[in-house]
Amino acid sequence: MPHLGHHIRIRLQDDRVIAPTVAQRRMVARVVLHHGFRYNLVAMALADSHLHMEAMCDRIAAGRFAHGIEASLKQRLRLAVRFIQYEPEPIRNHRHLWNTFKYILTQHKRHGLRADLVFEASNVPDLLGLRLQGRYTLENVRRYLPRVRRADLLQWLNMTEIEPADGPTERLEAATLAASCLDTLQGSTQAVVTARRAMVEILGSRVSSREVAKLLGVAPRTLRRLRRRHADPDLVMAIRLQLGFQPSLIPSGTGTVDSAISRDVGMV
């Protein structure tokens, strides 16, 4: 009987931390989520020295997936050592699928890692509506693990419900970068322009145009062009949720969740 999918694990030969900075962890997320689309990725998380992924694909595809991740990360992170790939573990049944999903997303607890350092390199933000890069994984979870609820995920992560916010203004750039999985708002790429436009939408009329332009680091003329563009409502909501999300302030082992909670963004 064919297996449901595979649990894929990789680490570096010398067990060094794979991505010690926020920028590098976002790079890991971008690489895995980009490659994972074609392999029906449902979960991924980096725990300092090793990366776990759960994908609904066969053994040959799992090997290709892992190889693609290794090659991309070695090049993009300029790693001096090679990756070691474990033999992909077959997902035998639905219970195994559920347990592996939970195991991957709660690695930070077992390793004593700060949640705010781990979630950047996982698909937790995508499942909770905090980021758009891997929102396809939410659809995959709904397809293959339909009994997983947003309340389950929040409870596993010792978090209460995340309420969207519009400030404080000083956290807006950081929230926008996290929601967009970007390292900077400099440049003129489509992703950067879209992120800037979402920031303008959130600021609204609360801040003068001069202050907005200064905050974005753009000329007034550029700001006027931005305002003529359509703001992505999903990104606006993701940024607002990021503003309400402060994982570093959540003590380990605390937090309760009402199992009946349901929201329009992220998991239901």
C-alpha atoms as a PDB file:
ATOM      1  CA  MET A   1       0.000   0.000   0.000  1.00  0.00           C
ATOM      2  CA  PRO A   2       1.454   3.421  -0.939  1.00  0.00           C
ATOM      3  CA  HIS A   3       2.463   5.728   1.890  1.00  0.00           C
ATOM      4  CA  LEU A   4       0.638   9.004   2.573  1.00  0.00           C
ATOM      5  CA  GLY A   5       3.795  11.105   2.413  1.00  0.00           C
ATOM      6  CA  HIS A   6       7.256  11.510   3.921  1.00  0.00           C
ATOM      7  CA  HIS A   7       9.010  13.155   6.865  1.00  0.00           C
ATOM      8  CA  ILE A   8      12.206  14.723   5.476  1.00  0.00           C
ATOM      9  CA  ARG A   9      15.145  15.794   7.663  1.00  0.00           C
ATOM     10  CA  ILE A  10      18.446  17.430   6.790  1.00  0.00           C
ATOM     11  CA  ARG A  11      21.367  18.864   8.800  1.00  0.00           C
ATOM     12  CA  LEU A  12      24.880  20.115   8.124  1.00  0.00           C
ATOM     13  CA  GLN A  13      27.840  17.748   8.468  1.00  0.00           C
ATOM     14  CA  ASP A  14      29.291  19.579  11.468  1.00  0.00           C
ATOM     15  CA  ASP A  15      25.902  20.251  13.127  1.00  0.00           C
ATOM     16  CA  ARG A  16      26.429  24.007  13.008  1.00  0.00           C
ATOM     17  CA  VAL A  17      23.422  26.353  13.252  1.00  0.00           C
ATOM     18  CA  ILE A  18      22.059  26.572   9.723  1.00  0.00           C
ATOM     19  CA  ALA A  19      20.607  30.088   9.837  1.00  0.00           C
ATOM     20  CA  PRO A  20      21.705  32.184  12.835  1.00  0.00           C
ATOM     21  CA  THR A  21      20.207  35.506  11.677  1.00  0.00           C
ATOM     22  CA  VAL A  22      16.644  36.626  10.974  1.00  0.00           C
ATOM     23  CA  ALA A  23      17.560  37.349   7.340  1.00  0.00           C
ATOM     24  CA  GLN A  24      18.938  33.827   6.948  1.00  0.00           C
ATOM     25  CA  ARG A  25      15.897  32.237   8.576  1.00  0.00           C
ATOM     26  CA  ARG A  26      13.659  34.113   6.161  1.00  0.00           C
ATOM     27  CA  MET A  27      15.840  32.855   3.348  1.00  0.00           C
ATOM     28  CA  VAL A  28      15.298  29.295   4.588  1.00  0.00           C
ATOM     29  CA  ALA A  29      11.550  29.903   4.635  1.00  0.00           C
ATOM     30  CA  ARG A  30      11.544  31.336   1.114  1.00  0.00           C
ATOM     31  CA  VAL A  31      13.592  28.439  -0.265  1.00  0.00           C
ATOM     32  CA  VAL A  32      11.590  25.657   1.390  1.00  0.00           C
ATOM     33  CA  LEU A  33       8.212  27.220   0.643  1.00  0.00           C
ATOM     34  CA  HIS A  34       9.182  27.846  -2.975  1.00  0.00           C
ATOM     35  CA  HIS A  35      10.293  24.249  -3.542  1.00  0.00           C
ATOM     36  CA  GLY A  36       7.574  22.766  -1.332  1.00  0.00           C
ATOM     37  CA  PHE A  37       4.674  23.872  -3.510  1.00  0.00           C
ATOM     38  CA  ARG A  38       5.156  21.085  -6.049  1.00  0.00           C
ATOM     39  CA  TYR A  39       5.610  18.441  -3.316  1.00  0.00           C
ATOM     40  CA  ASN A  40       2.452  19.200  -1.285  1.00  0.00           C
ATOM     41  CA  LEU A  41       4.304  20.533   1.753  1.00  0.00           C
ATOM     42  CA  VAL A  42       2.184  20.617   4.914  1.00  0.00           C
ATOM     43  CA  ALA A  43       4.774  21.471   7.600  1.00  0.00           C
ATOM     44  CA  MET A  44       8.320  22.774   7.870  1.00  0.00           C
ATOM     45  CA  ALA A  45      10.428  24.118  10.712  1.00  0.00           C
ATOM     46  CA  LEU A  46      14.081  24.811  11.323  1.00  0.00           C
ATOM     47  CA  ALA A  47      15.416  24.072  14.811  1.00  0.00           C
ATOM     48  CA  ASP A  48      18.917  25.613  14.869  1.00  0.00           C
ATOM     49  CA  SER A  49      20.985  22.768  13.367  1.00  0.00           C
ATOM     50  CA  HIS A  50      18.364  20.683  11.567  1.00  0.00           C
ATOM     51  CA  LEU A  51      15.433  21.193   9.244  1.00  0.00           C
ATOM     52  CA  HIS A  52      12.241  19.097   9.287  1.00  0.00           C
ATOM     53  CA  MET A  53       9.649  18.954   6.502  1.00  0.00           C
ATOM     54  CA  GLU A  54       6.484  16.929   5.978  1.00  0.00           C
ATOM     55  CA  ALA A  55       5.367  16.527   2.390  1.00  0.00           C
ATOM     56  CA  MET A  56       2.575  14.524   0.793  1.00  0.00           C
ATOM     57  CA  CYS A  57       4.669  12.928  -1.934  1.00  0.00           C
ATOM     58  CA  ASP A  58       6.277   9.582  -2.773  1.00  0.00           C
ATOM     59  CA  ARG A  59       9.816   8.473  -1.891  1.00  0.00           C
ATOM     60  CA  ILE A  60      11.415   9.561  -5.173  1.00  0.00           C
ATOM     61  CA  ALA A  61       9.796  13.011  -4.994  1.00  0.00           C
ATOM     62  CA  ALA A  62      10.831  13.351  -1.323  1.00  0.00           C
ATOM     63  CA  GLY A  63      14.452  12.764  -2.335  1.00  0.00           C
ATOM     64  CA  ARG A  64      14.220  15.361  -5.097  1.00  0.00           C
ATOM     65  CA  PHE A  65      12.641  17.819  -2.687  1.00  0.00           C
ATOM     66  CA  ALA A  66      15.417  17.367  -0.132  1.00  0.00           C
ATOM     67  CA  HIS A  67      18.130  17.639  -2.781  1.00  0.00           C
ATOM     68  CA  GLY A  68      16.638  20.866  -4.134  1.00  0.00           C
ATOM     69  CA  ILE A  69      16.521  22.377  -0.648  1.00  0.00           C
ATOM     70  CA  GLU A  70      20.116  21.374   0.089  1.00  0.00           C
ATOM     71  CA  ALA A  71      21.462  22.813  -3.161  1.00  0.00           C
ATOM     72  CA  SER A  72      19.547  26.079  -2.831  1.00  0.00           C
ATOM     73  CA  LEU A  73      20.443  26.655   0.815  1.00  0.00           C
ATOM     74  CA  LYS A  74      24.119  25.808   0.291  1.00  0.00           C
ATOM     75  CA  GLN A  75      24.312  28.402  -2.479  1.00  0.00           C
ATOM     76  CA  ARG A  76      22.139  31.133  -0.964  1.00  0.00           C
ATOM     77  CA  LEU A  77      23.538  30.874   2.560  1.00  0.00           C
ATOM     78  CA  ARG A  78      27.091  30.351   1.230  1.00  0.00           C
ATOM     79  CA  LEU A  79      27.607  27.334   3.433  1.00  0.00           C
ATOM     80  CA  ALA A  80      31.105  25.909   3.614  1.00  0.00           C
ATOM     81  CA  VAL A  81      30.021  22.381   4.534  1.00  0.00           C
ATOM     82  CA  ARG A  82      27.673  19.857   2.977  1.00  0.00           C
ATOM     83  CA  PHE A  83      24.254  18.750   4.164  1.00  0.00           C
ATOM     84  CA  ILE A  84      23.543  15.278   5.473  1.00  0.00           C
ATOM     85  CA  GLN A  85      20.193  13.908   4.374  1.00  0.00           C
ATOM     86  CA  TYR A  86      18.444  11.290   6.458  1.00  0.00           C
ATOM     87  CA  GLU A  87      16.434   8.628   4.683  1.00  0.00           C
ATOM     88  CA  PRO A  88      12.930  10.094   4.294  1.00  0.00           C
ATOM     89  CA  GLU A  89      10.577   8.453   6.770  1.00  0.00           C
ATOM     90  CA  PRO A  90       7.329   7.147   5.228  1.00  0.00           C
ATOM     91  CA  ILE A  91       4.097   8.456   6.737  1.00  0.00           C
ATOM     92  CA  ARG A  92       2.257   5.209   7.412  1.00  0.00           C
ATOM     93  CA  ASN A  93      -1.250   6.368   8.328  1.00  0.00           C
ATOM     94  CA  HIS A  94      -3.326   9.374   9.314  1.00  0.00           C
ATOM     95  CA  ARG A  95      -2.321   9.186  12.973  1.00  0.00           C
ATOM     96  CA  HIS A  96       1.348   9.225  11.963  1.00  0.00           C
ATOM     97  CA  LEU A  97       0.632  12.190   9.681  1.00  0.00           C
ATOM     98  CA  TRP A  98      -0.976  14.135  12.555  1.00  0.00           C
ATOM     99  CA  ASN A  99       1.800  13.291  15.031  1.00  0.00           C
ATOM    100  CA  THR A 100       4.558  14.264  12.581  1.00  0.00           C
ATOM    101  CA  PHE A 101       2.809  17.546  11.798  1.00  0.00           C
ATOM    102  CA  LYS A 102       2.640  18.426  15.498  1.00  0.00           C
ATOM    103  CA  TYR A 103       6.200  17.175  16.119  1.00  0.00           C
ATOM    104  CA  ILE A 104       7.652  19.439  13.433  1.00  0.00           C
ATOM    105  CA  LEU A 105       5.802  22.583  14.479  1.00  0.00           C
ATOM    106  CA  THR A 106       6.636  22.217  18.181  1.00  0.00           C
ATOM    107  CA  GLN A 107      10.366  21.529  17.840  1.00  0.00           C
ATOM    108  CA  HIS A 108      11.279  24.763  19.613  1.00  0.00           C
ATOM    109  CA  LYS A 109       9.784  23.430  22.868  1.00  0.00           C
ATOM    110  CA  ARG A 110      11.915  20.276  22.867  1.00  0.00           C
ATOM    111  CA  HIS A 111      15.089  22.195  22.059  1.00  0.00           C
ATOM    112  CA  GLY A 112      14.439  25.142  24.389  1.00  0.00           C
ATOM    113  CA  LEU A 113      14.482  27.690  21.564  1.00  0.00           C
ATOM    114  CA  ARG A 114      12.769  31.068  21.635  1.00  0.00           C
ATOM    115  CA  ALA A 115       9.585  30.967  19.585  1.00  0.00           C
ATOM    116  CA  ASP A 116      10.251  34.274  17.827  1.00  0.00           C
ATOM    117  CA  LEU A 117      13.534  32.879  16.482  1.00  0.00           C
ATOM    118  CA  VAL A 118      11.941  29.680  15.194  1.00  0.00           C
ATOM    119  CA  PHE A 119       8.684  30.753  13.603  1.00  0.00           C
ATOM    120  CA  GLU A 120      10.464  32.820  10.917  1.00  0.00           C
ATOM    121  CA  ALA A 121      11.841  29.567   9.490  1.00  0.00           C
ATOM    122  CA  SER A 122       8.636  27.555   9.723  1.00  0.00           C
ATOM    123  CA  ASN A 123       5.227  27.666   8.094  1.00  0.00           C
ATOM    124  CA  VAL A 124       3.548  28.613  11.379  1.00  0.00           C
ATOM    125  CA  PRO A 125       3.117  32.248  10.198  1.00  0.00           C
ATOM    126  CA  ASP A 126       1.523  31.026   6.961  1.00  0.00           C
ATOM    127  CA  LEU A 127      -0.927  28.756   8.790  1.00  0.00           C
ATOM    128  CA  LEU A 128      -1.953  31.590  11.129  1.00  0.00           C
ATOM    129  CA  GLY A 129      -2.389  34.222   8.407  1.00  0.00           C
ATOM    130  CA  LEU A 130       0.720  36.154   9.485  1.00  0.00           C
ATOM    131  CA  ARG A 131       2.541  35.655   6.176  1.00  0.00           C
ATOM    132  CA  LEU A 132       1.556  34.998   2.562  1.00  0.00           C
ATOM    133  CA  GLN A 133       4.668  33.217   1.254  1.00  0.00           C
ATOM    134  CA  GLY A 134       3.449  29.738   2.160  1.00  0.00           C
ATOM    135  CA  ARG A 135      -0.298  30.135   2.425  1.00  0.00           C
ATOM    136  CA  TYR A 136      -0.661  27.179   0.058  1.00  0.00           C
ATOM    137  CA  THR A 137       0.433  25.006   3.005  1.00  0.00           C
ATOM    138  CA  LEU A 138      -2.771  26.052   4.771  1.00  0.00           C
ATOM    139  CA  GLU A 139      -4.775  24.628   1.870  1.00  0.00           C
ATOM    140  CA  ASN A 140      -2.681  21.452   2.042  1.00  0.00           C
ATOM    141  CA  VAL A 141      -3.374  21.100   5.765  1.00  0.00           C
ATOM    142  CA  ARG A 142      -7.085  21.559   5.147  1.00  0.00           C
ATOM    143  CA  ARG A 143      -6.919  18.872   2.459  1.00  0.00           C
ATOM    144  CA  TYR A 144      -4.810  16.241   4.230  1.00  0.00           C
ATOM    145  CA  LEU A 145      -5.384  17.090   7.922  1.00  0.00           C
ATOM    146  CA  PRO A 146      -8.930  18.462   7.971  1.00  0.00           C
ATOM    147  CA  ARG A 147      -9.312  17.942  11.722  1.00  0.00           C
ATOM    148  CA  VAL A 148      -6.469  20.322  12.585  1.00  0.00           C
ATOM    149  CA  ARG A 149      -7.950  23.573  13.844  1.00  0.00           C
ATOM    150  CA  ARG A 150      -6.461  26.994  14.439  1.00  0.00           C
ATOM    151  CA  ALA A 151      -7.162  26.488  18.134  1.00  0.00           C
ATOM    152  CA  ASP A 152      -5.058  23.289  18.084  1.00  0.00           C
ATOM    153  CA  LEU A 153      -2.115  25.111  16.584  1.00  0.00           C
ATOM    154  CA  LEU A 154      -2.340  28.013  19.027  1.00  0.00           C
ATOM    155  CA  GLN A 155      -2.558  25.615  21.941  1.00  0.00           C
ATOM    156  CA  TRP A 156       0.461  23.596  20.799  1.00  0.00           C
ATOM    157  CA  LEU A 157       2.450  26.830  20.558  1.00  0.00           C
ATOM    158  CA  ASN A 158       1.333  28.121  23.982  1.00  0.00           C
ATOM    159  CA  MET A 159      -0.331  31.111  22.363  1.00  0.00           C
ATOM    160  CA  THR A 160      -3.600  32.922  22.822  1.00  0.00           C
ATOM    161  CA  GLU A 161      -5.550  34.215  19.829  1.00  0.00           C
ATOM    162  CA  ILE A 162      -3.771  36.868  17.775  1.00  0.00           C
ATOM    163  CA  GLU A 163      -5.715  40.082  17.382  1.00  0.00           C
ATOM    164  CA  PRO A 164      -4.931  42.390  14.448  1.00  0.00           C
ATOM    165  CA  ALA A 165      -3.541  45.816  15.325  1.00  0.00           C
ATOM    166  CA  ASP A 166      -2.645  49.032  13.500  1.00  0.00           C
ATOM    167  CA  GLY A 167       0.394  49.948  15.561  1.00  0.00           C
ATOM    168  CA  PRO A 168       2.550  50.970  17.158  1.00  0.00           C
ATOM    169  CA  THR A 169       4.007  52.787  14.171  1.00  0.00           C
ATOM    170  CA  GLU A 170       7.577  52.020  15.233  1.00  0.00           C
ATOM    171  CA  ARG A 171       6.883  48.282  14.771  1.00  0.00           C
ATOM    172  CA  LEU A 172       5.217  48.653  11.377  1.00  0.00           C
ATOM    173  CA  GLU A 173       8.331  48.190   9.238  1.00  0.00           C
ATOM    174  CA  ALA A 174       9.388  45.060  11.140  1.00  0.00           C
ATOM    175  CA  ALA A 175       5.849  43.653  10.898  1.00  0.00           C
ATOM    176  CA  THR A 176       5.754  44.365   7.158  1.00  0.00           C
ATOM    177  CA  LEU A 177       9.084  42.638   6.579  1.00  0.00           C
ATOM    178  CA  ALA A 178       7.942  39.588   8.542  1.00  0.00           C
ATOM    179  CA  ALA A 179       4.577  39.388   6.748  1.00  0.00           C
ATOM    180  CA  SER A 180       6.295  39.745   3.365  1.00  0.00           C
ATOM    181  CA  CYS A 181       9.228  37.443   4.237  1.00  0.00           C
ATOM    182  CA  LEU A 182      11.614  40.211   3.164  1.00  0.00           C
ATOM    183  CA  ASP A 183      14.894  41.484   4.585  1.00  0.00           C
ATOM    184  CA  THR A 184      14.554  45.082   3.411  1.00  0.00           C
ATOM    185  CA  LEU A 185      12.072  47.550   1.981  1.00  0.00           C
ATOM    186  CA  GLN A 186      14.755  49.107  -0.221  1.00  0.00           C
ATOM    187  CA  GLY A 187      14.643  48.597  -3.963  1.00  0.00           C
ATOM    188  CA  SER A 188      11.920  48.455  -6.585  1.00  0.00           C
ATOM    189  CA  THR A 189      10.995  44.774  -6.832  1.00  0.00           C
ATOM    190  CA  GLN A 190       7.316  43.874  -7.023  1.00  0.00           C
ATOM    191  CA  ALA A 191       7.433  42.394  -3.512  1.00  0.00           C
ATOM    192  CA  VAL A 192       8.959  45.553  -2.027  1.00  0.00           C
ATOM    193  CA  VAL A 193       6.497  47.875  -3.782  1.00  0.00           C
ATOM    194  CA  THR A 194       3.559  45.707  -2.659  1.00  0.00           C
ATOM    195  CA  ALA A 195       4.850  45.745   0.916  1.00  0.00           C
ATOM    196  CA  ARG A 196       5.264  49.524   0.918  1.00  0.00           C
ATOM    197  CA  ARG A 197       1.746  49.983  -0.434  1.00  0.00           C
ATOM    198  CA  ALA A 198       0.352  47.811   2.368  1.00  0.00           C
ATOM    199  CA  MET A 199       2.203  49.940   4.935  1.00  0.00           C
ATOM    200  CA  VAL A 200       0.670  53.093   3.445  1.00  0.00           C
ATOM    201  CA  GLU A 201      -2.771  51.497   3.694  1.00  0.00           C
ATOM    202  CA  ILE A 202      -2.318  50.702   7.380  1.00  0.00           C
ATOM    203  CA  LEU A 203      -1.029  54.182   8.210  1.00  0.00           C
ATOM    204  CA  GLY A 204      -4.003  55.733   6.426  1.00  0.00           C
ATOM    205  CA  SER A 205      -4.576  59.333   7.396  1.00  0.00           C
ATOM    206  CA  ARG A 206      -3.158  58.939  10.916  1.00  0.00           C
ATOM    207  CA  VAL A 207       0.260  60.093   9.744  1.00  0.00           C
ATOM    208  CA  SER A 208       1.071  63.019   7.458  1.00  0.00           C
ATOM    209  CA  SER A 209       2.277  62.322   3.926  1.00  0.00           C
ATOM    210  CA  ARG A 210       5.629  63.809   4.802  1.00  0.00           C
ATOM    211  CA  GLU A 211       6.037  61.443   7.735  1.00  0.00           C
ATOM    212  CA  VAL A 212       4.870  58.451   5.686  1.00  0.00           C
ATOM    213  CA  ALA A 213       7.406  59.217   2.952  1.00  0.00           C
ATOM    214  CA  LYS A 214      10.135  59.536   5.568  1.00  0.00           C
ATOM    215  CA  LEU A 215       9.115  56.276   7.226  1.00  0.00           C
ATOM    216  CA  LEU A 216       9.219  54.436   3.901  1.00  0.00           C
ATOM    217  CA  GLY A 217      12.405  56.171   2.787  1.00  0.00           C
ATOM    218  CA  VAL A 218      10.828  57.372  -0.473  1.00  0.00           C
ATOM    219  CA  ALA A 219      10.310  60.708  -2.191  1.00  0.00           C
ATOM    220  CA  PRO A 220       6.856  62.398  -1.989  1.00  0.00           C
ATOM    221  CA  ARG A 221       6.402  61.711  -5.715  1.00  0.00           C
ATOM    222  CA  THR A 222       6.967  57.988  -5.135  1.00  0.00           C
ATOM    223  CA  LEU A 223       4.468  58.041  -2.285  1.00  0.00           C
ATOM    224  CA  ARG A 224       1.837  59.591  -4.545  1.00  0.00           C
ATOM    225  CA  ARG A 225       2.401  56.811  -7.087  1.00  0.00           C
ATOM    226  CA  LEU A 226       2.121  54.213  -4.339  1.00  0.00           C
ATOM    227  CA  ARG A 227      -1.230  55.571  -3.216  1.00  0.00           C
ATOM    228  CA  ARG A 228      -2.615  55.143  -6.732  1.00  0.00           C
ATOM    229  CA  ARG A 229      -1.858  51.423  -6.573  1.00  0.00           C
ATOM    230  CA  HIS A 230      -4.250  48.805  -5.203  1.00  0.00           C
ATOM    231  CA  ALA A 231      -3.329  47.556  -1.725  1.00  0.00           C
ATOM    232  CA  ASP A 232      -3.277  43.773  -1.270  1.00  0.00           C
ATOM    233  CA  PRO A 233      -5.920  43.173   1.448  1.00  0.00           C
ATOM    234  CA  ASP A 234      -4.391  39.813   2.439  1.00  0.00           C
ATOM    235  CA  LEU A 235      -0.996  41.389   3.017  1.00  0.00           C
ATOM    236  CA  VAL A 236      -2.575  44.278   4.924  1.00  0.00           C
ATOM    237  CA  MET A 237      -4.256  41.774   7.247  1.00  0.00           C
ATOM    238  CA  ALA A 238      -1.053  39.746   7.614  1.00  0.00           C
ATOM    239  CA  ILE A 239       0.835  42.870   8.681  1.00  0.00           C
ATOM    240  CA  ARG A 240      -1.898  43.822  11.136  1.00  0.00           C
ATOM    241  CA  LEU A 241      -1.721  40.334  12.636  1.00  0.00           C
ATOM    242  CA  GLN A 242       2.064  40.622  12.848  1.00  0.00           C
ATOM    243  CA  LEU A 243       1.570  43.848  14.796  1.00  0.00           C
ATOM    244  CA  GLY A 244      -0.584  41.933  17.250  1.00  0.00           C
ATOM    245  CA  PHE A 245       1.841  38.991  17.423  1.00  0.00           C
ATOM    246  CA  GLN A 246       4.602  39.096  20.035  1.00  0.00           C
ATOM    247  CA  PRO A 247       5.903  35.539  20.496  1.00  0.00           C
ATOM    248  CA  SER A 248       8.977  36.603  22.488  1.00  0.00           C
ATOM    249  CA  LEU A 249       6.653  37.873  25.215  1.00  0.00           C
ATOM    250  CA  ILE A 250       4.781  34.578  25.561  1.00  0.00           C
ATOM    251  CA  PRO A 251       6.126  32.514  28.479  1.00  0.00           C
ATOM    252  CA  SER A 252       6.638  28.824  27.815  1.00  0.00           C
ATOM    253  CA  GLY A 253       3.859  26.622  29.118  1.00  0.00           C
ATOM    254  CA  THR A 254       1.199  29.317  29.372  1.00  0.00           C
ATOM    255  CA  GLY A 255      -1.758  30.384  27.332  1.00  0.00           C
ATOM    256  CA  THR A 256      -5.194  28.906  26.876  1.00  0.00           C
ATOM    257  CA  VAL A 257      -7.345  28.718  23.801  1.00  0.00           C
ATOM    258  CA  ASP A 258     -11.082  28.392  23.419  1.00  0.00           C
ATOM    259  CA  SER A 259     -11.557  25.406  21.111  1.00  0.00           C
ATOM    260  CA  ALA A 260     -14.500  27.104  19.469  1.00  0.00           C
ATOM    261  CA  ILE A 261     -12.403  29.994  18.125  1.00  0.00           C
ATOM    262  CA  SER A 262     -12.806  30.496  14.389  1.00  0.00           C
ATOM    263  CA  ARG A 263     -11.414  33.272  12.208  1.00  0.00           C
ATOM    264  CA  ASP A 264     -11.559  34.437   8.616  1.00  0.00           C
ATOM    265  CA  VAL A 265      -7.778  34.312   8.243  1.00  0.00           C
ATOM    266  CA  GLY A 266      -5.484  31.339   8.661  1.00  0.00           C
ATOM    267  CA  MET A 267      -6.755  28.051  10.027  1.00  0.00           C
ATOM    268  CA  VAL A 268     -10.354  27.694  11.182  1.00  0.00           C
END
